[in-house]
C-alpha atoms as a PDB file:
ATOM      1  CA  MET A   1     -88.690  25.961 -86.721  1.00  0.00           C
ATOM      2  CA  ASP A   2     -86.883  23.018 -88.358  1.00  0.00           C
ATOM      3  CA  GLU A   3     -86.126  19.780 -86.535  1.00  0.00           C
ATOM      4  CA  GLU A   4     -82.416  20.548 -86.034  1.00  0.00           C
ATOM      5  CA  ALA A   5     -83.171  23.867 -84.331  1.00  0.00           C
ATOM      6  CA  MET A   6     -85.781  22.220 -82.114  1.00  0.00           C
ATOM      7  CA  TRP A   7     -83.334  19.553 -80.859  1.00  0.00           C
ATOM      8  CA  LYS A   8     -80.607  22.176 -80.380  1.00  0.00           C
ATOM      9  CA  GLY A   9     -82.922  24.294 -78.245  1.00  0.00           C
ATOM     10  CA  MET A  10     -83.910  21.281 -76.152  1.00  0.00           C
ATOM     11  CA  TYR A  11     -80.239  20.374 -75.615  1.00  0.00           C
ATOM     12  CA  GLU A  12     -79.411  23.912 -74.445  1.00  0.00           C
ATOM     13  CA  LYS A  13     -82.294  23.843 -71.947  1.00  0.00           C
ATOM     14  CA  ILE A  14     -81.069  20.541 -70.509  1.00  0.00           C
ATOM     15  CA  GLN A  15     -77.546  21.918 -70.126  1.00  0.00           C
ATOM     16  CA  GLU A  16     -78.878  25.007 -68.311  1.00  0.00           C
ATOM     17  CA  GLN A  17     -80.841  22.819 -65.893  1.00  0.00           C
ATOM     18  CA  LYS A  18     -77.731  20.761 -65.127  1.00  0.00           C
ATOM     19  CA  LYS A  19     -75.844  23.949 -64.177  1.00  0.00           C
ATOM     20  CA  GLN A  20     -78.461  24.933 -61.600  1.00  0.00           C
ATOM     21  CA  PRO A  21     -77.356  24.148 -58.029  1.00  0.00           C
ATOM     22  CA  VAL A  22     -79.147  21.426 -56.084  1.00  0.00           C
ATOM     23  CA  SER A  23     -81.811  22.911 -53.828  1.00  0.00           C
ATOM     24  CA  GLU A  24     -81.735  22.436 -50.065  1.00  0.00           C
ATOM     25  CA  HIS A  25     -84.886  20.291 -50.229  1.00  0.00           C
ATOM     26  CA  GLN A  26     -83.353  17.968 -52.831  1.00  0.00           C
ATOM     27  CA  SER A  27     -80.170  17.711 -50.773  1.00  0.00           C
ATOM     28  CA  ILE A  28     -82.150  16.703 -47.660  1.00  0.00           C
ATOM     29  CA  ILE A  29     -84.037  14.061 -49.635  1.00  0.00           C
ATOM     30  CA  GLN A  30     -80.835  12.512 -50.995  1.00  0.00           C
ATOM     31  CA  ASP A  31     -79.191  12.524 -47.564  1.00  0.00           C
ATOM     32  CA  LEU A  32     -82.099  10.895 -45.751  1.00  0.00           C
ATOM     33  CA  ASP A  33     -83.192   8.273 -48.286  1.00  0.00           C
ATOM     34  CA  GLY A  34     -79.603   7.234 -48.927  1.00  0.00           C
ATOM     35  CA  GLY A  35     -80.142   7.621 -52.670  1.00  0.00           C
ATOM     36  CA  PHE A  36     -82.470   4.607 -52.640  1.00  0.00           C
ATOM     37  CA  PHE A  37     -84.518   5.515 -55.705  1.00  0.00           C
ATOM     38  CA  GLU A  38     -81.410   6.450 -57.702  1.00  0.00           C
ATOM     39  CA  LYS A  39     -79.758   3.132 -56.806  1.00  0.00           C
ATOM     40  CA  PHE A  40     -82.965   1.213 -57.513  1.00  0.00           C
ATOM     41  CA  GLY A  41     -83.035   2.533 -61.061  1.00  0.00           C
ATOM     42  CA  SER A  42     -79.336   1.752 -61.596  1.00  0.00           C
ATOM     43  CA  ILE A  43     -79.962  -2.018 -61.747  1.00  0.00           C
ATOM     44  CA  LEU A  44     -81.058  -1.909 -65.392  1.00  0.00           C
ATOM     45  CA  ARG A  45     -78.275   0.524 -66.298  1.00  0.00           C
ATOM     46  CA  GLN A  46     -75.614  -1.681 -64.691  1.00  0.00           C
ATOM     47  CA  LYS A  47     -76.974  -4.746 -66.471  1.00  0.00           C
ATOM     48  CA  SER A  48     -76.738  -2.875 -69.774  1.00  0.00           C
ATOM     49  CA  ILE A  49     -73.150  -1.846 -69.036  1.00  0.00           C
ATOM     50  CA  ASN A  50     -72.202  -5.427 -68.189  1.00  0.00           C
ATOM     51  CA  HIS A  51     -73.768  -6.611 -71.422  1.00  0.00           C
ATOM     52  CA  GLU A  52     -71.828  -4.062 -73.491  1.00  0.00           C
ATOM     53  CA  GLU A  53     -68.565  -5.032 -71.803  1.00  0.00           C
ATOM     54  CA  SER A  54     -69.172  -8.725 -72.458  1.00  0.00           C
ATOM     55  CA  VAL A  55     -69.734  -7.952 -76.137  1.00  0.00           C
ATOM     56  CA  THR A  56     -66.845  -5.551 -76.714  1.00  0.00           C
ATOM     57  CA  LEU A  57     -64.117  -7.343 -74.733  1.00  0.00           C
ATOM     58  CA  GLN A  58     -61.563  -9.021 -77.029  1.00  0.00           C
ATOM     59  CA  PRO A  59     -59.926 -12.387 -76.230  1.00  0.00           C
ATOM     60  CA  PHE A  60     -56.402 -12.368 -74.840  1.00  0.00           C
ATOM     61  CA  PRO A  61     -53.634 -13.204 -77.331  1.00  0.00           C
ATOM     62  CA  GLU A  62     -52.230 -16.710 -77.105  1.00  0.00           C
ATOM     63  CA  HIS A  63     -48.684 -15.549 -76.337  1.00  0.00           C
ATOM     64  CA  GLN A  64     -48.368 -12.811 -73.789  1.00  0.00           C
ATOM     65  CA  PRO A  65     -45.125 -11.520 -72.310  1.00  0.00           C
ATOM     66  CA  GLN A  66     -44.762 -12.496 -68.709  1.00  0.00           C
ATOM     67  CA  LEU A  67     -44.675  -9.587 -66.328  1.00  0.00           C
ATOM     68  CA  GLU A  68     -42.053  -9.488 -63.653  1.00  0.00           C
ATOM     69  CA  SER A  69     -43.602  -9.923 -60.252  1.00  0.00           C
ATOM     70  CA  THR A  70     -42.744  -7.378 -57.629  1.00  0.00           C
ATOM     71  CA  PRO A  71     -42.790  -8.250 -53.951  1.00  0.00           C
ATOM     72  CA  PHE A  72     -45.582  -6.766 -51.892  1.00  0.00           C
ATOM     73  CA  SER A  73     -44.503  -4.268 -49.314  1.00  0.00           C
ATOM     74  CA  GLU A  74     -45.682  -4.794 -45.794  1.00  0.00           C
ATOM     75  CA  PRO A  75     -48.422  -2.393 -44.713  1.00  0.00           C
ATOM     76  CA  GLU A  76     -47.355   0.395 -42.460  1.00  0.00           C
ATOM     77  CA  THR A  77     -48.514   0.084 -38.902  1.00  0.00           C
ATOM     78  CA  ILE A  78     -50.567   2.920 -37.501  1.00  0.00           C
ATOM     79  CA  PRO A  79     -49.681   4.016 -34.001  1.00  0.00           C
ATOM     80  CA  GLU A  80     -52.362   3.507 -31.430  1.00  0.00           C
ATOM     81  CA  GLY A  81     -54.682   6.464 -31.088  1.00  0.00           C
ATOM     82  CA  GLU A  82     -54.276   7.709 -34.677  1.00  0.00           C
ATOM     83  CA  ASP A  83     -57.127   7.670 -37.178  1.00  0.00           C
ATOM     84  CA  SER A  84     -56.629   5.379 -40.170  1.00  0.00           C
ATOM     85  CA  GLY A  85     -59.636   6.846 -41.969  1.00  0.00           C
ATOM     86  CA  ASN A  86     -61.327   3.427 -42.290  1.00  0.00           C
ATOM     87  CA  GLU A  87     -63.227   3.373 -39.037  1.00  0.00           C
ATOM     88  CA  THR A  88     -66.982   2.828 -39.261  1.00  0.00           C
ATOM     89  CA  LEU A  89     -69.502   4.999 -37.518  1.00  0.00           C
ATOM     90  CA  PRO A  90     -70.725   3.840 -34.133  1.00  0.00           C
ATOM     91  CA  ASP A  91     -73.968   1.863 -34.077  1.00  0.00           C
ATOM     92  CA  SER A  92     -75.692   4.752 -32.340  1.00  0.00           C
ATOM     93  CA  ASP A  93     -74.952   7.044 -35.314  1.00  0.00           C
ATOM     94  CA  SER A  94     -76.279   4.463 -37.789  1.00  0.00           C
ATOM     95  CA  GLU A  95     -79.443   3.990 -35.761  1.00  0.00           C
ATOM     96  CA  GLU A  96     -79.925   7.748 -35.522  1.00  0.00           C
ATOM     97  CA  GLN A  97     -79.541   8.106 -39.302  1.00  0.00           C
ATOM     98  CA  GLN A  98     -82.034   5.270 -39.862  1.00  0.00           C
ATOM     99  CA  GLU A  99     -84.538   6.949 -37.541  1.00  0.00           C
ATOM    100  CA  LYS A 100     -84.189  10.227 -39.468  1.00  0.00           C
ATOM    101  CA  GLN A 101     -84.736   8.373 -42.733  1.00  0.00           C
ATOM    102  CA  ASN A 102     -87.871   6.693 -41.393  1.00  0.00           C
ATOM    103  CA  GLU A 103     -89.237   9.999 -40.092  1.00  0.00           C
ATOM    104  CA  PHE A 104     -88.596  11.687 -43.438  1.00  0.00           C
ATOM    105  CA  ILE A 105     -90.401   8.936 -45.368  1.00  0.00           C
ATOM    106  CA  GLY A 106     -93.338   9.181 -42.985  1.00  0.00           C
ATOM    107  CA  ASP A 107     -93.578  12.946 -43.471  1.00  0.00           C
ATOM    108  CA  ALA A 108     -93.130  12.794 -47.256  1.00  0.00           C
ATOM    109  CA  PHE A 109     -95.447   9.891 -48.090  1.00  0.00           C
ATOM    110  CA  GLY A 110     -97.759   9.693 -45.094  1.00  0.00           C
ATOM    111  CA  TRP A 111     -96.612   6.085 -44.518  1.00  0.00           C
ATOM    112  CA  ASN A 112     -94.260   4.507 -42.061  1.00  0.00           C
ATOM    113  CA  ILE A 113     -91.295   2.537 -43.380  1.00  0.00           C
ATOM    114  CA  GLU A 114     -93.074  -0.830 -43.165  1.00  0.00           C
ATOM    115  CA  GLU A 115     -96.102   0.404 -45.117  1.00  0.00           C
ATOM    116  CA  LEU A 116     -93.855   1.791 -47.847  1.00  0.00           C
ATOM    117  CA  TYR A 117     -91.881  -1.470 -47.931  1.00  0.00           C
ATOM    118  CA  GLU A 118     -95.114  -3.443 -48.297  1.00  0.00           C
ATOM    119  CA  GLU A 119     -96.234  -1.230 -51.187  1.00  0.00           C
ATOM    120  CA  VAL A 120     -92.900  -1.645 -52.998  1.00  0.00           C
ATOM    121  CA  LEU A 121     -93.122  -5.443 -52.673  1.00  0.00           C
ATOM    122  CA  PHE A 122     -96.721  -5.346 -53.917  1.00  0.00           C
ATOM    123  CA  GLU A 123     -95.635  -3.421 -57.025  1.00  0.00           C
ATOM    124  CA  ILE A 124     -92.847  -5.943 -57.685  1.00  0.00           C
ATOM    125  CA  PHE A 125     -95.247  -8.893 -57.430  1.00  0.00           C
ATOM    126  CA  ASN A 126     -97.742  -7.205 -59.767  1.00  0.00           C
ATOM    127  CA  ASN A 127     -95.286  -5.843 -62.295  1.00  0.00           C
ATOM    128  CA  ILE A 128     -96.607  -5.456 -65.832  1.00  0.00           C
ATOM    129  CA  GLY A 129     -94.675  -5.941 -69.059  1.00  0.00           C
ATOM    130  CA  CYS A 130     -91.371  -7.221 -67.621  1.00  0.00           C
ATOM    131  CA  ASP A 131     -90.080 -10.250 -69.556  1.00  0.00           C
ATOM    132  CA  ASP A 132     -86.435  -9.908 -68.527  1.00  0.00           C
ATOM    133  CA  GLU A 133     -85.111 -13.298 -67.404  1.00  0.00           C
ATOM    134  CA  GLU A 134     -82.011 -11.806 -65.762  1.00  0.00           C
ATOM    135  CA  LEU A 135     -83.799  -9.144 -63.708  1.00  0.00           C
ATOM    136  CA  THR A 136     -85.933 -11.604 -61.756  1.00  0.00           C
ATOM    137  CA  GLU A 137     -88.536 -10.968 -59.084  1.00  0.00           C
ATOM    138  CA  ASP A 138     -86.281 -12.547 -56.442  1.00  0.00           C
ATOM    139  CA  SER A 139     -83.366 -10.261 -57.311  1.00  0.00           C
ATOM    140  CA  LEU A 140     -85.577  -7.173 -56.958  1.00  0.00           C
ATOM    141  CA  VAL A 141     -86.999  -8.369 -53.633  1.00  0.00           C
ATOM    142  CA  HIS A 142     -83.508  -9.065 -52.294  1.00  0.00           C
ATOM    143  CA  TYR A 143     -82.292  -5.633 -53.396  1.00  0.00           C
ATOM    144  CA  VAL A 144     -85.258  -3.856 -51.794  1.00  0.00           C
ATOM    145  CA  GLN A 145     -84.800  -5.716 -48.501  1.00  0.00           C
ATOM    146  CA  ASP A 146     -81.159  -4.669 -48.415  1.00  0.00           C
ATOM    147  CA  ALA A 147     -81.995  -1.053 -49.333  1.00  0.00           C
ATOM    148  CA  PHE A 148     -84.685  -0.752 -46.643  1.00  0.00           C
ATOM    149  CA  LYS A 149     -82.513  -2.609 -44.089  1.00  0.00           C
ATOM    150  CA  ILE A 150     -85.404  -4.901 -43.104  1.00  0.00           C
ATOM    151  CA  SER A 151     -84.640  -7.913 -40.907  1.00  0.00           C
ATOM    152  CA  ASN A 152     -85.420 -11.394 -42.262  1.00  0.00           C
ATOM    153  CA  GLU A 153     -88.187 -11.957 -39.715  1.00  0.00           C
ATOM    154  CA  LYS A 154     -89.926  -8.664 -40.489  1.00  0.00           C
ATOM    155  CA  HIS A 155     -89.337  -9.203 -44.216  1.00  0.00           C
ATOM    156  CA  GLU A 156     -91.139 -12.558 -44.201  1.00  0.00           C
ATOM    157  CA  GLU A 157     -94.047 -11.035 -42.294  1.00  0.00           C
ATOM    158  CA  ILE A 158     -94.494  -8.125 -44.721  1.00  0.00           C
ATOM    159  CA  LEU A 159     -93.860 -10.422 -47.689  1.00  0.00           C
ATOM    160  CA  ARG A 160     -96.851 -12.610 -46.786  1.00  0.00           C
ATOM    161  CA  VAL A 161     -99.100  -9.563 -46.476  1.00  0.00           C
ATOM    162  CA  ALA A 162     -97.988  -8.176 -49.847  1.00  0.00           C
ATOM    163  CA  ARG A 163     -98.505 -11.510 -51.625  1.00  0.00           C
ATOM    164  CA  ASN A 164    -101.969 -12.009 -50.130  1.00  0.00           C
ATOM    165  CA  LYS A 165    -103.244  -8.583 -51.197  1.00  0.00           C
ATOM    166  CA  GLU A 166    -105.756  -8.686 -54.026  1.00  0.00           C
ATOM    167  CA  PRO A 167    -103.986  -7.855 -57.307  1.00  0.00           C
ATOM    168  CA  PRO A 168    -105.192  -4.831 -59.262  1.00  0.00           C
ATOM    169  CA  GLU A 169    -107.565  -5.219 -62.182  1.00  0.00           C
ATOM    170  CA  ILE A 170    -105.525  -4.236 -65.204  1.00  0.00           C
ATOM    171  CA  CYS A 171    -107.079  -3.675 -68.610  1.00  0.00           C
ATOM    172  CA  LEU A 172    -105.729  -2.649 -71.980  1.00  0.00           C
ATOM    173  CA  ASN A 173    -108.016  -0.174 -73.724  1.00  0.00           C
ATOM    174  CA  VAL A 174    -107.992  -0.625 -77.503  1.00  0.00           C
ATOM    175  CA  GLU A 175    -109.851   1.305 -80.166  1.00  0.00           C
ATOM    176  CA  VAL A 176    -110.153  -0.176 -83.666  1.00  0.00           C
ATOM    177  CA  ILE A 177    -110.645   2.672 -86.120  1.00  0.00           C
ATOM    178  CA  GLU A 178    -110.412   1.516 -89.732  1.00  0.00           C
ATOM    179  CA  ALA A 179    -108.477  -0.378 -92.387  1.00  0.00           C
ATOM    180  CA  LYS A 180    -107.466   0.621 -95.889  1.00  0.00           C
ATOM    181  CA  GLU A 181    -107.012  -1.318 -99.128  1.00  0.00           C
ATOM    182  CA  LEU A 182    -107.383  -4.817 -97.726  1.00  0.00           C
ATOM    183  CA  GLU A 183    -106.651  -7.839 -99.859  1.00  0.00           C
ATOM    184  CA  PRO A 184    -109.875  -9.200-101.411  1.00  0.00           C
ATOM    185  CA  LYS A 185    -110.936 -12.658-100.243  1.00  0.00           C
ATOM    186  CA  ASP A 186    -114.223 -13.158-102.101  1.00  0.00           C
ATOM    187  CA  SER A 187    -114.844 -13.954-105.758  1.00  0.00           C
ATOM    188  CA  ASN A 188    -116.480 -10.567-106.284  1.00  0.00           C
ATOM    189  CA  GLY A 189    -113.198  -8.799-105.454  1.00  0.00           C
ATOM    190  CA  LEU A 190    -114.360  -7.673-102.012  1.00  0.00           C
ATOM    191  CA  SER A 191    -114.237  -9.025 -98.442  1.00  0.00           C
ATOM    192  CA  ASP A 192    -116.267  -9.142 -95.233  1.00  0.00           C
ATOM    193  CA  PRO A 193    -113.523  -8.060 -92.802  1.00  0.00           C
ATOM    194  CA  PHE A 194    -113.505  -8.148 -89.009  1.00  0.00           C
ATOM    195  CA  VAL A 195    -110.788  -7.920 -86.331  1.00  0.00           C
ATOM    196  CA  THR A 196    -109.972 -10.429 -83.565  1.00  0.00           C
ATOM    197  CA  MET A 197    -107.903  -9.263 -80.577  1.00  0.00           C
ATOM    198  CA  TYR A 198    -106.447 -10.899 -77.484  1.00  0.00           C
ATOM    199  CA  ILE A 199    -103.544 -10.448 -75.068  1.00  0.00           C
ATOM    200  CA  ALA A 200    -100.765 -13.038 -75.295  1.00  0.00           C
ATOM    201  CA  SER A 201    -100.806 -13.562 -71.515  1.00  0.00           C
ATOM    202  CA  ASN A 202    -104.560 -14.290 -71.626  1.00  0.00           C
ATOM    203  CA  PRO A 203    -105.315 -15.858 -75.047  1.00  0.00           C
ATOM    204  CA  THR A 204    -108.590 -17.483 -73.973  1.00  0.00           C
ATOM    205  CA  HIS A 205    -110.357 -14.122 -73.858  1.00  0.00           C
ATOM    206  CA  ARG A 206    -110.810 -12.974 -77.455  1.00  0.00           C
ATOM    207  CA  TYR A 207    -112.647  -9.951 -78.754  1.00  0.00           C
ATOM    208  CA  ASN A 208    -114.154  -9.530 -82.224  1.00  0.00           C
ATOM    209  CA  THR A 209    -115.265  -6.399 -83.977  1.00  0.00           C
ATOM    210  CA  SER A 210    -118.400  -6.301 -86.058  1.00  0.00           C
ATOM    211  CA  VAL A 211    -118.258  -7.686 -89.618  1.00  0.00           C
ATOM    212  CA  LYS A 212    -118.206  -5.097 -92.378  1.00  0.00           C
ATOM    213  CA  SER A 213    -119.765  -6.580 -95.492  1.00  0.00           C
ATOM    214  CA  ALA A 214    -118.458  -6.232 -99.036  1.00  0.00           C
ATOM    215  CA  THR A 215    -115.684  -3.696 -98.490  1.00  0.00           C
ATOM    216  CA  LEU A 216    -111.915  -3.351 -98.626  1.00  0.00           C
ATOM    217  CA  ASP A 217    -111.900  -0.119 -96.591  1.00  0.00           C
ATOM    218  CA  PRO A 218    -113.868  -0.973 -93.436  1.00  0.00           C
ATOM    219  CA  LEU A 219    -114.651   1.644 -90.791  1.00  0.00           C
ATOM    220  CA  TRP A 220    -115.281   0.361 -87.239  1.00  0.00           C
ATOM    221  CA  GLU A 221    -114.532   3.010 -84.594  1.00  0.00           C
ATOM    222  CA  GLU A 222    -115.153   0.420 -81.881  1.00  0.00           C
ATOM    223  CA  HIS A 223    -113.660   0.429 -78.372  1.00  0.00           C
ATOM    224  CA  PHE A 224    -112.583  -2.642 -76.361  1.00  0.00           C
ATOM    225  CA  SER A 225    -111.228  -3.198 -72.862  1.00  0.00           C
ATOM    226  CA  LEU A 226    -109.001  -6.297 -72.791  1.00  0.00           C
ATOM    227  CA  ALA A 227    -108.441  -7.878 -69.380  1.00  0.00           C
ATOM    228  CA  HIS A 228    -104.799  -8.592 -68.567  1.00  0.00           C
ATOM    229  CA  ARG A 229    -105.557 -11.605 -66.386  1.00  0.00           C
END
């Protein structure tokens, strides 16, 4: 099977999956969690869209024709007792929906809403590999608090617990296999090569392979575990 046929088959499978109706279980999940996880992932997508718009927008021409202003019409008054369609749900309905959401999270994850909120904050504080200056830790924390509808007092309490938890031990496993056709460094046309490794966030911890004498095609097959912090 050539590459074009492989990608075509994959595309057709994706299109078939999109045509399948949403299951009842998926519908319940989306209704009760308010689409939290979908909205959480949309932050990066929205930032990308904003960036593209800022790049592609063209400046306005210096001379633009003035548009004639039209007077605003006064809004129509709605007789008392009629529904304008803009009324909000009573507080009791919102509280009932929040209780259903909390119960669903407890059944699905085995946690109550505060435990899940604490775990999300812990993951934000111990994020790995995020160097984005625009998507800051504070912006994520603020978004999560708003999504979970946590009061400021309860937020500060859970925030302290999440920050005081011991961070995970994170290591990068590296295996150095071999090198081919290295540049000679010695007068005899050979070298005594070795490899030094470290993580940019922790440059004080360096790891060296063994030295392979008089060769330009060294073979190491050595394994290292580099600590992140």
